[in-house]
Amino acid sequence: MEQAIIQIGNSVGVIIPSKFRKQIGFKKGSKVYINIDTQNNIIISKEKKDVTDSGIFNILEGVNKRYGKALRELAEK
């Protein structure tokens, strides 16, 4: 969906369409987090993303189980 950037006081903004706002659960006054990905796409999320959200510790635990011994041996060289 294409949206126009509009003037809001001394700033500019984009209106979030009602159907998206309702689906995500945004309300007037809700906090949102804005980020830009590596391809310059703007990402607006309801919650601040933390590396633990993606299960990074589960991944690291699997890597440690599989390669822990080899990694320790490499570190000692």
C-alpha atoms as a PDB file:
ATOM      1  CA  MET A   1       0.000   0.000   0.000  1.00  0.00           C
ATOM      2  CA  GLU A   2       1.365   3.407  -0.928  1.00  0.00           C
ATOM      3  CA  GLN A   3       1.085   6.221   1.613  1.00  0.00           C
ATOM      4  CA  ALA A   4       2.113   9.864   1.310  1.00  0.00           C
ATOM      5  CA  ILE A   5       4.411  11.608   3.760  1.00  0.00           C
ATOM      6  CA  ILE A   6       2.490  14.496   5.341  1.00  0.00           C
ATOM      7  CA  GLN A   7       3.408  17.554   7.398  1.00  0.00           C
ATOM      8  CA  ILE A   8       2.714  17.201  11.136  1.00  0.00           C
ATOM      9  CA  GLY A   9       3.752  20.400  12.894  1.00  0.00           C
ATOM     10  CA  ASN A  10       7.488  20.860  12.291  1.00  0.00           C
ATOM     11  CA  SER A  11       7.879  17.167  11.448  1.00  0.00           C
ATOM     12  CA  VAL A  12       6.623  14.811   8.789  1.00  0.00           C
ATOM     13  CA  GLY A  13       4.855  11.502   9.198  1.00  0.00           C
ATOM     14  CA  VAL A  14       3.005   8.682   7.538  1.00  0.00           C
ATOM     15  CA  ILE A  15      -0.564   7.777   8.460  1.00  0.00           C
ATOM     16  CA  ILE A  16      -0.935   4.126   9.478  1.00  0.00           C
ATOM     17  CA  PRO A  17      -4.103   2.808   7.834  1.00  0.00           C
ATOM     18  CA  SER A  18      -6.833   1.706  10.239  1.00  0.00           C
ATOM     19  CA  LYS A  19      -6.775  -1.953   9.162  1.00  0.00           C
ATOM     20  CA  PHE A  20      -3.028  -2.203   9.867  1.00  0.00           C
ATOM     21  CA  ARG A  21      -3.341  -0.305  13.139  1.00  0.00           C
ATOM     22  CA  LYS A  22      -6.093  -2.633  14.357  1.00  0.00           C
ATOM     23  CA  GLN A  23      -4.256  -5.779  13.240  1.00  0.00           C
ATOM     24  CA  ILE A  24      -1.092  -4.796  15.105  1.00  0.00           C
ATOM     25  CA  GLY A  25      -2.939  -3.333  18.082  1.00  0.00           C
ATOM     26  CA  PHE A  26      -1.631   0.225  17.852  1.00  0.00           C
ATOM     27  CA  LYS A  27      -3.693   2.780  19.746  1.00  0.00           C
ATOM     28  CA  LYS A  28      -3.369   6.528  20.121  1.00  0.00           C
ATOM     29  CA  GLY A  29      -0.327   7.058  22.326  1.00  0.00           C
ATOM     30  CA  SER A  30       1.152   3.593  21.698  1.00  0.00           C
ATOM     31  CA  LYS A  31       4.931   3.405  21.672  1.00  0.00           C
ATOM     32  CA  VAL A  32       6.408   2.200  18.398  1.00  0.00           C
ATOM     33  CA  TYR A  33       9.951   1.342  17.425  1.00  0.00           C
ATOM     34  CA  ILE A  34      11.326   2.425  14.070  1.00  0.00           C
ATOM     35  CA  ASN A  35      14.347   0.812  12.439  1.00  0.00           C
ATOM     36  CA  ILE A  36      15.911   0.695   8.996  1.00  0.00           C
ATOM     37  CA  ASP A  37      17.094  -2.612   7.569  1.00  0.00           C
ATOM     38  CA  THR A  38      20.115  -3.158   5.327  1.00  0.00           C
ATOM     39  CA  GLN A  39      18.043  -2.455   2.215  1.00  0.00           C
ATOM     40  CA  ASN A  40      16.780   0.901   3.575  1.00  0.00           C
ATOM     41  CA  ASN A  41      13.299  -0.440   4.346  1.00  0.00           C
ATOM     42  CA  ILE A  42      11.653   1.211   7.327  1.00  0.00           C
ATOM     43  CA  ILE A  43      10.423  -1.272   9.917  1.00  0.00           C
ATOM     44  CA  ILE A  44       7.836  -0.149  12.462  1.00  0.00           C
ATOM     45  CA  SER A  45       7.217  -2.584  15.300  1.00  0.00           C
ATOM     46  CA  LYS A  46       5.063  -2.640  18.391  1.00  0.00           C
ATOM     47  CA  GLU A  47       7.832  -3.938  20.635  1.00  0.00           C
ATOM     48  CA  LYS A  48      11.511  -3.245  20.826  1.00  0.00           C
ATOM     49  CA  LYS A  49      13.254  -6.261  19.388  1.00  0.00           C
ATOM     50  CA  ASP A  50      15.911  -7.908  21.489  1.00  0.00           C
ATOM     51  CA  VAL A  51      18.346 -10.524  20.274  1.00  0.00           C
ATOM     52  CA  THR A  52      16.747 -12.981  22.680  1.00  0.00           C
ATOM     53  CA  ASP A  53      13.484 -12.618  20.733  1.00  0.00           C
ATOM     54  CA  SER A  54      15.013 -14.542  17.850  1.00  0.00           C
ATOM     55  CA  GLY A  55      16.106 -17.427  20.057  1.00  0.00           C
ATOM     56  CA  ILE A  56      19.790 -16.571  19.758  1.00  0.00           C
ATOM     57  CA  PHE A  57      20.608 -18.384  22.986  1.00  0.00           C
ATOM     58  CA  ASN A  58      18.993 -21.584  21.713  1.00  0.00           C
ATOM     59  CA  ILE A  59      21.052 -21.307  18.545  1.00  0.00           C
ATOM     60  CA  LEU A  60      24.267 -20.697  20.486  1.00  0.00           C
ATOM     61  CA  GLU A  61      23.537 -23.650  22.742  1.00  0.00           C
ATOM     62  CA  GLY A  62      23.176 -25.886  19.692  1.00  0.00           C
ATOM     63  CA  VAL A  63      26.422 -24.569  18.213  1.00  0.00           C
ATOM     64  CA  ASN A  64      28.183 -25.148  21.519  1.00  0.00           C
ATOM     65  CA  LYS A  65      26.887 -28.724  21.763  1.00  0.00           C
ATOM     66  CA  ARG A  66      27.935 -29.501  18.224  1.00  0.00           C
ATOM     67  CA  TYR A  67      31.213 -27.575  17.916  1.00  0.00           C
ATOM     68  CA  GLY A  68      32.144 -26.649  21.501  1.00  0.00           C
ATOM     69  CA  LYS A  69      35.022 -29.102  21.816  1.00  0.00           C
ATOM     70  CA  ALA A  70      36.525 -28.096  18.464  1.00  0.00           C
ATOM     71  CA  LEU A  71      36.165 -24.396  19.285  1.00  0.00           C
ATOM     72  CA  ARG A  72      37.906 -24.845  22.648  1.00  0.00           C
ATOM     73  CA  GLU A  73      40.741 -26.740  20.960  1.00  0.00           C
ATOM     74  CA  LEU A  74      41.138 -23.977  18.380  1.00  0.00           C
ATOM     75  CA  ALA A  75      41.159 -21.339  21.112  1.00  0.00           C
ATOM     76  CA  GLU A  76      44.030 -23.132  22.882  1.00  0.00           C
ATOM     77  CA  LYS A  77      46.256 -23.155  19.772  1.00  0.00           C
END
